[in-house]
C-alpha atoms as a PDB file:
ATOM      1  CA  MET A   1      -6.146  -0.327 -22.725  1.00  0.00           C
ATOM      2  CA  CYS A   2      -3.758  -1.754 -25.394  1.00  0.00           C
ATOM      3  CA  LEU A   3      -0.212  -3.142 -24.257  1.00  0.00           C
ATOM      4  CA  THR A   4       1.602  -0.468 -25.932  1.00  0.00           C
ATOM      5  CA  ASN A   5      -0.138   2.215 -23.914  1.00  0.00           C
ATOM      6  CA  ARG A   6       0.121   0.366 -20.722  1.00  0.00           C
ATOM      7  CA  ARG A   7       3.813   0.060 -21.377  1.00  0.00           C
ATOM      8  CA  LYS A   8       4.062   3.618 -21.947  1.00  0.00           C
ATOM      9  CA  GLU A   9       2.233   4.709 -18.643  1.00  0.00           C
ATOM     10  CA  LEU A  10       4.708   2.477 -16.584  1.00  0.00           C
ATOM     11  CA  LYS A  11       7.773   3.768 -18.309  1.00  0.00           C
ATOM     12  CA  HIS A  12       6.428   7.294 -17.885  1.00  0.00           C
ATOM     13  CA  ALA A  13       5.737   6.660 -14.135  1.00  0.00           C
ATOM     14  CA  LEU A  14       9.306   5.285 -13.628  1.00  0.00           C
ATOM     15  CA  ARG A  15      10.871   8.185 -15.506  1.00  0.00           C
ATOM     16  CA  THR A  16       8.808  10.864 -13.628  1.00  0.00           C
ATOM     17  CA  ARG A  17       9.292   9.022 -10.159  1.00  0.00           C
ATOM     18  CA  LYS A  18       5.667   8.535  -9.543  1.00  0.00           C
ATOM     19  CA  ARG A  19       4.929   5.845  -7.081  1.00  0.00           C
ATOM     20  CA  VAL A  20       4.778   2.393  -8.375  1.00  0.00           C
ATOM     21  CA  LEU A  21       3.825  -0.944  -6.659  1.00  0.00           C
ATOM     22  CA  ALA A  22       4.763  -4.265  -7.801  1.00  0.00           C
ATOM     23  CA  ALA A  23       4.001  -7.807  -6.916  1.00  0.00           C
ATOM     24  CA  TRP A  24       6.764 -10.533  -7.028  1.00  0.00           C
ATOM     25  CA  THR A  25       6.461 -14.250  -7.794  1.00  0.00           C
ATOM     26  CA  SER A  26       9.097 -17.079  -7.380  1.00  0.00           C
ATOM     27  CA  LEU A  27       6.478 -19.875  -7.849  1.00  0.00           C
ATOM     28  CA  SER A  28       5.686 -20.881 -11.274  1.00  0.00           C
ATOM     29  CA  HIS A  29       1.930 -21.555 -11.062  1.00  0.00           C
ATOM     30  CA  PRO A  30       0.124 -18.703 -13.125  1.00  0.00           C
ATOM     31  CA  SER A  31      -2.808 -18.766 -10.663  1.00  0.00           C
ATOM     32  CA  ILE A  32      -0.504 -17.014  -8.088  1.00  0.00           C
ATOM     33  CA  THR A  33       0.105 -14.248 -10.677  1.00  0.00           C
ATOM     34  CA  GLU A  34      -3.616 -14.249 -11.549  1.00  0.00           C
ATOM     35  CA  ILE A  35      -4.432 -13.635  -7.839  1.00  0.00           C
ATOM     36  CA  PHE A  36      -1.673 -10.983  -7.566  1.00  0.00           C
ATOM     37  CA  THR A  37      -3.000  -8.989 -10.417  1.00  0.00           C
ATOM     38  CA  ARG A  38      -6.387  -8.459  -8.521  1.00  0.00           C
ATOM     39  CA  ALA A  39      -4.400  -6.249  -6.264  1.00  0.00           C
ATOM     40  CA  ASP A  40      -4.170  -3.827  -9.017  1.00  0.00           C
ATOM     41  CA  VAL A  41      -0.351  -3.663  -8.895  1.00  0.00           C
ATOM     42  CA  ASP A  42       1.468  -1.787 -11.631  1.00  0.00           C
ATOM     43  CA  PHE A  43       3.726  -4.971 -12.520  1.00  0.00           C
ATOM     44  CA  VAL A  44       4.525  -8.318 -11.595  1.00  0.00           C
ATOM     45  CA  GLY A  45       8.044  -9.264 -11.291  1.00  0.00           C
ATOM     46  CA  ILE A  46       9.272 -12.793 -12.054  1.00  0.00           C
ATOM     47  CA  ASP A  47      12.216 -13.937  -9.882  1.00  0.00           C
ATOM     48  CA  ILE A  48      13.887 -16.176 -12.420  1.00  0.00           C
ATOM     49  CA  GLU A  49      17.285 -15.492 -10.710  1.00  0.00           C
ATOM     50  CA  HIS A  50      16.460 -17.342  -7.379  1.00  0.00           C
ATOM     51  CA  SER A  51      13.898 -19.796  -8.543  1.00  0.00           C
ATOM     52  CA  THR A  52      13.465 -22.788 -10.889  1.00  0.00           C
ATOM     53  CA  ILE A  53      11.075 -20.879 -13.148  1.00  0.00           C
ATOM     54  CA  SER A  54      11.509 -22.071 -16.780  1.00  0.00           C
ATOM     55  CA  LEU A  55      11.276 -19.974 -20.003  1.00  0.00           C
ATOM     56  CA  GLU A  56       8.157 -21.756 -20.797  1.00  0.00           C
ATOM     57  CA  GLN A  57       6.488 -21.039 -17.215  1.00  0.00           C
ATOM     58  CA  SER A  58       7.681 -17.481 -17.507  1.00  0.00           C
ATOM     59  CA  ARG A  59       5.627 -17.135 -20.769  1.00  0.00           C
ATOM     60  CA  ASP A  60       2.597 -18.433 -18.838  1.00  0.00           C
ATOM     61  CA  ILE A  61       3.061 -15.859 -16.130  1.00  0.00           C
ATOM     62  CA  ILE A  62       3.583 -13.007 -18.561  1.00  0.00           C
ATOM     63  CA  ALA A  63       0.369 -13.840 -20.287  1.00  0.00           C
ATOM     64  CA  THR A  64      -1.560 -14.172 -17.154  1.00  0.00           C
ATOM     65  CA  SER A  65      -0.231 -11.175 -15.652  1.00  0.00           C
ATOM     66  CA  GLN A  66      -1.145  -9.045 -18.764  1.00  0.00           C
ATOM     67  CA  ALA A  67      -4.707 -10.681 -19.083  1.00  0.00           C
ATOM     68  CA  GLY A  68      -5.183  -9.577 -15.423  1.00  0.00           C
ATOM     69  CA  GLY A  69      -4.208  -5.901 -16.285  1.00  0.00           C
ATOM     70  CA  SER A  70      -0.781  -5.847 -14.898  1.00  0.00           C
ATOM     71  CA  LEU A  71       2.583  -5.624 -16.835  1.00  0.00           C
ATOM     72  CA  CYS A  72       5.239  -8.164 -16.280  1.00  0.00           C
ATOM     73  CA  LEU A  73       8.981  -7.731 -15.795  1.00  0.00           C
ATOM     74  CA  PRO A  74      11.001 -10.683 -15.186  1.00  0.00           C
ATOM     75  CA  ARG A  75      14.259 -10.474 -13.259  1.00  0.00           C
ATOM     76  CA  ILE A  76      16.715 -12.637 -15.350  1.00  0.00           C
ATOM     77  CA  ALA A  77      19.081 -15.075 -13.923  1.00  0.00           C
ATOM     78  CA  SER A  78      22.032 -13.689 -15.286  1.00  0.00           C
ATOM     79  CA  HIS A  79      23.446 -11.356 -17.996  1.00  0.00           C
ATOM     80  CA  ASP A  80      22.568 -13.520 -21.030  1.00  0.00           C
ATOM     81  CA  MET A  81      21.557 -12.596 -24.376  1.00  0.00           C
ATOM     82  CA  GLU A  82      19.548 -15.750 -25.170  1.00  0.00           C
ATOM     83  CA  SER A  83      17.354 -15.867 -22.134  1.00  0.00           C
ATOM     84  CA  ILE A  84      16.556 -12.083 -22.549  1.00  0.00           C
ATOM     85  CA  LYS A  85      15.711 -12.596 -26.174  1.00  0.00           C
ATOM     86  CA  ARG A  86      13.327 -15.360 -25.515  1.00  0.00           C
ATOM     87  CA  LEU A  87      11.597 -13.610 -22.519  1.00  0.00           C
ATOM     88  CA  LEU A  88      11.011 -10.609 -24.584  1.00  0.00           C
ATOM     89  CA  ASP A  89       9.862 -12.624 -27.505  1.00  0.00           C
ATOM     90  CA  SER A  90       7.412 -14.222 -25.000  1.00  0.00           C
ATOM     91  CA  GLY A  91       5.951 -10.827 -24.441  1.00  0.00           C
ATOM     92  CA  ALA A  92       7.617  -9.353 -21.464  1.00  0.00           C
ATOM     93  CA  ASP A  93       7.152  -5.795 -20.973  1.00  0.00           C
ATOM     94  CA  GLY A  94      10.765  -5.157 -19.945  1.00  0.00           C
ATOM     95  CA  ILE A  95      13.545  -6.576 -17.927  1.00  0.00           C
ATOM     96  CA  ILE A  96      14.942  -6.411 -14.286  1.00  0.00           C
ATOM     97  CA  ALA A  97      18.757  -7.200 -14.359  1.00  0.00           C
ATOM     98  CA  PRO A  98      20.599  -8.404 -11.305  1.00  0.00           C
ATOM     99  CA  MET A  99      24.080  -7.576 -10.237  1.00  0.00           C
ATOM    100  CA  VAL A 100      24.717  -4.606 -12.542  1.00  0.00           C
ATOM    101  CA  SER A 101      28.196  -3.286 -11.596  1.00  0.00           C
ATOM    102  CA  ASN A 102      29.120  -0.865 -14.016  1.00  0.00           C
ATOM    103  CA  VAL A 103      28.362   1.112 -17.305  1.00  0.00           C
ATOM    104  CA  GLU A 104      29.869  -1.454 -19.744  1.00  0.00           C
ATOM    105  CA  GLU A 105      27.459  -4.243 -18.222  1.00  0.00           C
ATOM    106  CA  ALA A 106      24.486  -2.009 -18.282  1.00  0.00           C
ATOM    107  CA  GLN A 107      25.271  -1.123 -21.818  1.00  0.00           C
ATOM    108  CA  GLN A 108      25.449  -4.623 -22.916  1.00  0.00           C
ATOM    109  CA  LEU A 109      22.097  -5.447 -21.441  1.00  0.00           C
ATOM    110  CA  ILE A 110      20.609  -2.391 -23.357  1.00  0.00           C
ATOM    111  CA  ASP A 111      22.099  -3.795 -26.542  1.00  0.00           C
ATOM    112  CA  TRP A 112      20.382  -7.114 -25.986  1.00  0.00           C
ATOM    113  CA  ILE A 113      16.906  -5.452 -24.840  1.00  0.00           C
ATOM    114  CA  LYS A 114      16.428  -2.537 -27.520  1.00  0.00           C
ATOM    115  CA  PHE A 115      16.252  -2.738 -31.302  1.00  0.00           C
ATOM    116  CA  SER A 116      18.553  -0.833 -33.446  1.00  0.00           C
ATOM    117  CA  PRO A 117      19.632   2.010 -33.615  1.00  0.00           C
ATOM    118  CA  ARG A 118      19.407   2.051 -29.821  1.00  0.00           C
ATOM    119  CA  GLY A 119      20.476  -1.535 -29.241  1.00  0.00           C
ATOM    120  CA  LYS A 120      21.174  -4.756 -31.323  1.00  0.00           C
ATOM    121  CA  ARG A 121      18.069  -6.910 -30.316  1.00  0.00           C
ATOM    122  CA  SER A 122      17.308  -9.422 -33.216  1.00  0.00           C
ATOM    123  CA  PHE A 123      13.837  -9.307 -35.106  1.00  0.00           C
ATOM    124  CA  GLY A 124      11.563 -12.358 -35.004  1.00  0.00           C
ATOM    125  CA  VAL A 125       7.884 -13.265 -34.932  1.00  0.00           C
ATOM    126  CA  ALA A 126       6.534 -14.569 -31.502  1.00  0.00           C
ATOM    127  CA  ARG A 127       3.956 -13.964 -29.021  1.00  0.00           C
ATOM    128  CA  ALA A 128       5.387 -10.537 -28.281  1.00  0.00           C
ATOM    129  CA  HIS A 129       4.513  -9.452 -31.858  1.00  0.00           C
ATOM    130  CA  GLY A 130       1.015 -11.109 -31.733  1.00  0.00           C
ATOM    131  CA  TYR A 131       2.424 -13.865 -33.822  1.00  0.00           C
ATOM    132  CA  GLY A 132       2.899 -11.511 -36.713  1.00  0.00           C
ATOM    133  CA  PHE A 133      -0.334  -9.473 -36.401  1.00  0.00           C
ATOM    134  CA  ASP A 134       1.141  -6.796 -34.296  1.00  0.00           C
ATOM    135  CA  PHE A 135       4.775  -6.878 -35.646  1.00  0.00           C
ATOM    136  CA  GLN A 136       4.815  -3.276 -36.962  1.00  0.00           C
ATOM    137  CA  GLU A 137       3.214  -1.633 -34.010  1.00  0.00           C
ATOM    138  CA  TYR A 138       5.314  -3.806 -31.624  1.00  0.00           C
ATOM    139  CA  THR A 139       8.795  -3.094 -33.189  1.00  0.00           C
ATOM    140  CA  SER A 140       8.223   0.428 -33.931  1.00  0.00           C
ATOM    141  CA  SER A 141       7.261   1.341 -30.355  1.00  0.00           C
ATOM    142  CA  TRP A 142       9.382  -1.122 -28.258  1.00  0.00           C
ATOM    143  CA  ASN A 143      12.320   1.127 -27.753  1.00  0.00           C
ATOM    144  CA  ASP A 144      10.226   4.120 -26.502  1.00  0.00           C
ATOM    145  CA  VAL A 145       7.853   1.983 -24.179  1.00  0.00           C
ATOM    146  CA  SER A 146       9.847  -0.998 -22.745  1.00  0.00           C
ATOM    147  CA  SER A 147      11.148  -0.687 -19.062  1.00  0.00           C
ATOM    148  CA  PHE A 148      14.797  -1.618 -18.004  1.00  0.00           C
ATOM    149  CA  ILE A 149      15.611  -1.793 -14.272  1.00  0.00           C
ATOM    150  CA  VAL A 150      19.008  -2.379 -12.933  1.00  0.00           C
ATOM    151  CA  GLN A 151      19.691  -3.762  -9.508  1.00  0.00           C
ATOM    152  CA  ILE A 152      22.748  -2.297  -7.620  1.00  0.00           C
ATOM    153  CA  GLU A 153      23.979  -5.153  -5.427  1.00  0.00           C
ATOM    154  CA  ASN A 154      27.788  -4.792  -4.536  1.00  0.00           C
ATOM    155  CA  VAL A 155      30.461  -2.142  -3.892  1.00  0.00           C
ATOM    156  CA  GLU A 156      31.537  -1.744  -7.544  1.00  0.00           C
ATOM    157  CA  GLY A 157      27.845  -1.103  -8.439  1.00  0.00           C
ATOM    158  CA  ILE A 158      27.645   1.450  -5.671  1.00  0.00           C
ATOM    159  CA  ASN A 159      30.924   3.117  -6.781  1.00  0.00           C
ATOM    160  CA  ASN A 160      29.549   3.361 -10.329  1.00  0.00           C
ATOM    161  CA  ILE A 161      25.983   4.201  -9.407  1.00  0.00           C
ATOM    162  CA  ASP A 162      25.966   7.748 -10.737  1.00  0.00           C
ATOM    163  CA  GLU A 163      27.096   6.829 -14.142  1.00  0.00           C
ATOM    164  CA  ILE A 164      24.857   3.805 -14.400  1.00  0.00           C
ATOM    165  CA  ALA A 165      21.825   5.829 -13.363  1.00  0.00           C
ATOM    166  CA  ARG A 166      22.470   8.596 -16.062  1.00  0.00           C
ATOM    167  CA  LEU A 167      22.298   6.034 -18.855  1.00  0.00           C
ATOM    168  CA  ASN A 168      19.447   7.118 -20.986  1.00  0.00           C
ATOM    169  CA  GLU A 169      17.885   3.579 -21.560  1.00  0.00           C
ATOM    170  CA  VAL A 170      17.992   2.974 -17.684  1.00  0.00           C
ATOM    171  CA  ASP A 171      14.540   3.723 -16.235  1.00  0.00           C
ATOM    172  CA  GLY A 172      15.334   2.842 -12.623  1.00  0.00           C
ATOM    173  CA  CYS A 173      17.522   1.241 -10.122  1.00  0.00           C
ATOM    174  CA  MET A 174      16.905  -1.264  -7.133  1.00  0.00           C
ATOM    175  CA  ALA A 175      19.062  -1.398  -4.241  1.00  0.00           C
ATOM    176  CA  GLY A 176      19.586  -5.017  -3.384  1.00  0.00           C
ATOM    177  CA  PRO A 177      20.190  -4.870   0.568  1.00  0.00           C
ATOM    178  CA  TYR A 178      21.158  -8.467   1.130  1.00  0.00           C
ATOM    179  CA  ASP A 179      23.803  -8.764  -1.627  1.00  0.00           C
ATOM    180  CA  LEU A 180      25.003  -5.337  -0.670  1.00  0.00           C
ATOM    181  CA  SER A 181      25.580  -6.519   3.029  1.00  0.00           C
ATOM    182  CA  GLY A 182      27.632  -9.348   1.768  1.00  0.00           C
ATOM    183  CA  SER A 183      29.720  -7.344  -0.625  1.00  0.00           C
ATOM    184  CA  LEU A 184      30.118  -4.738   2.229  1.00  0.00           C
ATOM    185  CA  GLY A 185      31.293  -7.509   4.683  1.00  0.00           C
ATOM    186  CA  VAL A 186      28.212  -7.623   6.888  1.00  0.00           C
ATOM    187  CA  PRO A 187      26.218 -10.315   5.408  1.00  0.00           C
ATOM    188  CA  GLY A 188      22.541 -10.250   6.423  1.00  0.00           C
ATOM    189  CA  GLN A 189      22.821  -7.210   8.347  1.00  0.00           C
ATOM    190  CA  ILE A 190      20.553  -5.138   6.246  1.00  0.00           C
ATOM    191  CA  ASP A 191      19.993  -2.558   8.685  1.00  0.00           C
ATOM    192  CA  SER A 192      23.572  -1.859   9.222  1.00  0.00           C
ATOM    193  CA  PRO A 193      25.088   1.523   8.736  1.00  0.00           C
ATOM    194  CA  GLU A 194      27.060   0.520   5.773  1.00  0.00           C
ATOM    195  CA  VAL A 195      24.160  -0.958   3.971  1.00  0.00           C
ATOM    196  CA  LYS A 196      21.858   1.992   4.712  1.00  0.00           C
ATOM    197  CA  ALA A 197      24.636   4.336   3.434  1.00  0.00           C
ATOM    198  CA  ALA A 198      24.988   2.124   0.238  1.00  0.00           C
ATOM    199  CA  CYS A 199      21.108   2.272  -0.277  1.00  0.00           C
ATOM    200  CA  GLN A 200      21.213   6.054   0.245  1.00  0.00           C
ATOM    201  CA  LYS A 201      23.714   6.418  -2.685  1.00  0.00           C
ATOM    202  CA  VAL A 202      21.272   4.806  -4.800  1.00  0.00           C
ATOM    203  CA  ILE A 203      18.452   6.835  -3.869  1.00  0.00           C
ATOM    204  CA  ASP A 204      20.509  10.007  -4.369  1.00  0.00           C
ATOM    205  CA  ALA A 205      21.854   8.946  -7.779  1.00  0.00           C
ATOM    206  CA  CYS A 206      18.443   8.197  -8.923  1.00  0.00           C
ATOM    207  CA  LYS A 207      17.063  11.441  -7.764  1.00  0.00           C
ATOM    208  CA  ALA A 208      19.705  13.378  -9.540  1.00  0.00           C
ATOM    209  CA  ALA A 209      19.371  11.482 -12.763  1.00  0.00           C
ATOM    210  CA  GLY A 210      15.570  11.667 -12.678  1.00  0.00           C
ATOM    211  CA  LYS A 211      15.102   7.918 -12.491  1.00  0.00           C
ATOM    212  CA  ALA A 212      12.834   5.509 -10.537  1.00  0.00           C
ATOM    213  CA  CYS A 213      14.597   3.952  -7.269  1.00  0.00           C
ATOM    214  CA  GLY A 214      13.051   0.805  -5.818  1.00  0.00           C
ATOM    215  CA  THR A 215      13.254  -1.686  -2.997  1.00  0.00           C
ATOM    216  CA  GLN A 216      11.410  -4.886  -1.758  1.00  0.00           C
ATOM    217  CA  ILE A 217       9.594  -5.014   1.450  1.00  0.00           C
ATOM    218  CA  VAL A 218       9.035  -8.426   3.130  1.00  0.00           C
ATOM    219  CA  SER A 219       6.211  -7.474   5.206  1.00  0.00           C
ATOM    220  CA  PRO A 220       4.428  -4.522   3.762  1.00  0.00           C
ATOM    221  CA  THR A 221       2.204  -2.208   5.603  1.00  0.00           C
ATOM    222  CA  VAL A 222       0.728   1.307   5.001  1.00  0.00           C
ATOM    223  CA  GLU A 223       3.162   2.441   7.463  1.00  0.00           C
ATOM    224  CA  ASN A 224       6.498   1.071   6.166  1.00  0.00           C
ATOM    225  CA  VAL A 225       5.555   1.420   2.525  1.00  0.00           C
ATOM    226  CA  THR A 226       4.976   5.051   3.185  1.00  0.00           C
ATOM    227  CA  GLU A 227       8.248   5.358   4.932  1.00  0.00           C
ATOM    228  CA  ALA A 228      10.116   3.849   2.198  1.00  0.00           C
ATOM    229  CA  PHE A 229       8.593   6.480  -0.186  1.00  0.00           C
ATOM    230  CA  GLU A 230       9.202   9.281   2.106  1.00  0.00           C
ATOM    231  CA  ALA A 231      13.104   7.939   2.317  1.00  0.00           C
ATOM    232  CA  GLY A 232      13.238   8.601  -1.528  1.00  0.00           C
ATOM    233  CA  PHE A 233      12.221   5.180  -3.128  1.00  0.00           C
ATOM    234  CA  THR A 234       9.554   5.615  -5.795  1.00  0.00           C
ATOM    235  CA  PHE A 235       8.711   1.940  -6.293  1.00  0.00           C
ATOM    236  CA  ILE A 236       8.085  -0.785  -3.936  1.00  0.00           C
ATOM    237  CA  VAL A 237       7.797  -4.745  -4.596  1.00  0.00           C
ATOM    238  CA  LEU A 238       5.202  -5.735  -1.974  1.00  0.00           C
ATOM    239  CA  SER A 239       6.566  -8.840  -0.596  1.00  0.00           C
ATOM    240  CA  SER A 240       6.452 -12.148  -2.788  1.00  0.00           C
ATOM    241  CA  ASP A 241       4.590 -15.410  -2.827  1.00  0.00           C
ATOM    242  CA  VAL A 242       7.450 -17.027  -0.986  1.00  0.00           C
ATOM    243  CA  PHE A 243       7.633 -14.488   1.665  1.00  0.00           C
ATOM    244  CA  LEU A 244       3.949 -14.632   2.253  1.00  0.00           C
ATOM    245  CA  LEU A 245       3.892 -18.367   2.511  1.00  0.00           C
ATOM    246  CA  TRP A 246       7.108 -18.228   4.840  1.00  0.00           C
ATOM    247  CA  LYS A 247       5.403 -15.689   7.187  1.00  0.00           C
ATOM    248  CA  TRP A 248       2.208 -17.721   7.190  1.00  0.00           C
ATOM    249  CA  ALA A 249       4.107 -21.066   7.934  1.00  0.00           C
ATOM    250  CA  GLU A 250       5.976 -19.199  10.791  1.00  0.00           C
ATOM    251  CA  GLN A 251       2.573 -18.409  12.467  1.00  0.00           C
ATOM    252  CA  GLN A 252       1.049 -21.736  11.901  1.00  0.00           C
ATOM    253  CA  GLN A 253       4.203 -23.312  13.365  1.00  0.00           C
ATOM    254  CA  ALA A 254       3.697 -21.395  16.429  1.00  0.00           C
ATOM    255  CA  LEU A 255      -0.026 -22.394  16.407  1.00  0.00           C
ATOM    256  CA  VAL A 256       0.644 -25.941  15.878  1.00  0.00           C
ATOM    257  CA  LYS A 257       3.237 -26.104  18.636  1.00  0.00           C
ATOM    258  CA  GLN A 258       0.853 -24.481  21.082  1.00  0.00           C
ATOM    259  CA  VAL A 259      -2.099 -26.760  20.159  1.00  0.00           C
ATOM    260  CA  ARG A 260      -0.016 -29.820  20.432  1.00  0.00           C
ATOM    261  CA  ALA A 261       1.253 -28.674  23.955  1.00  0.00           C
ATOM    262  CA  ASN A 262      -2.377 -28.472  25.245  1.00  0.00           C
END
């Protein structure tokens, strides 16, 4: 299936609130992404925000993800036109934006992601355009098939979630429980009543607007993923490479301690 059709399928799934599952990489080696795509996830997210992954490394991850049959949505580090432009020209299938607090911020991001008349993205020739071979198909379809997901991670974002979710170019929202906990004055207490109530507001706003609603589960199981879907989330990020290695190291740390004690 061509990339345009795969992008269209993902966007349709987000907009119709179908169940979407994603992998997440914070480490730069494309072999990790290559392994993740074998899980048949719908997309791979690149955590540029909380990692040292460069634009060049992102390009390789994007290419590896697409070659493995998954799409790729980088989470940008900040609201920055240059990084968005270069990631999209590298072939990213959309963008995940952290810390979106109001309609104005969301609209500025839309302007950088979408071509005229729905945005102000500049035109160029790069990997995304097949180095020129796919220029017409890419530029004519991009606005309708690319995905834009915002992360709601502070009190201001919660207060504005209804308006943000209703923006036409927003395909989904993710609740960020850790940052929300800090903004709500209960840092790290992601199971607190305050954080749960904030996440519920995101779920409710997305449902009312007909948009996808996502979260990330550190140690996913059939049971807790099913619970998340039943709670109203429609797409789940299944752990991450860092989380997987962290949990493995925790287990081995206990094993090493026990073996050394014998």
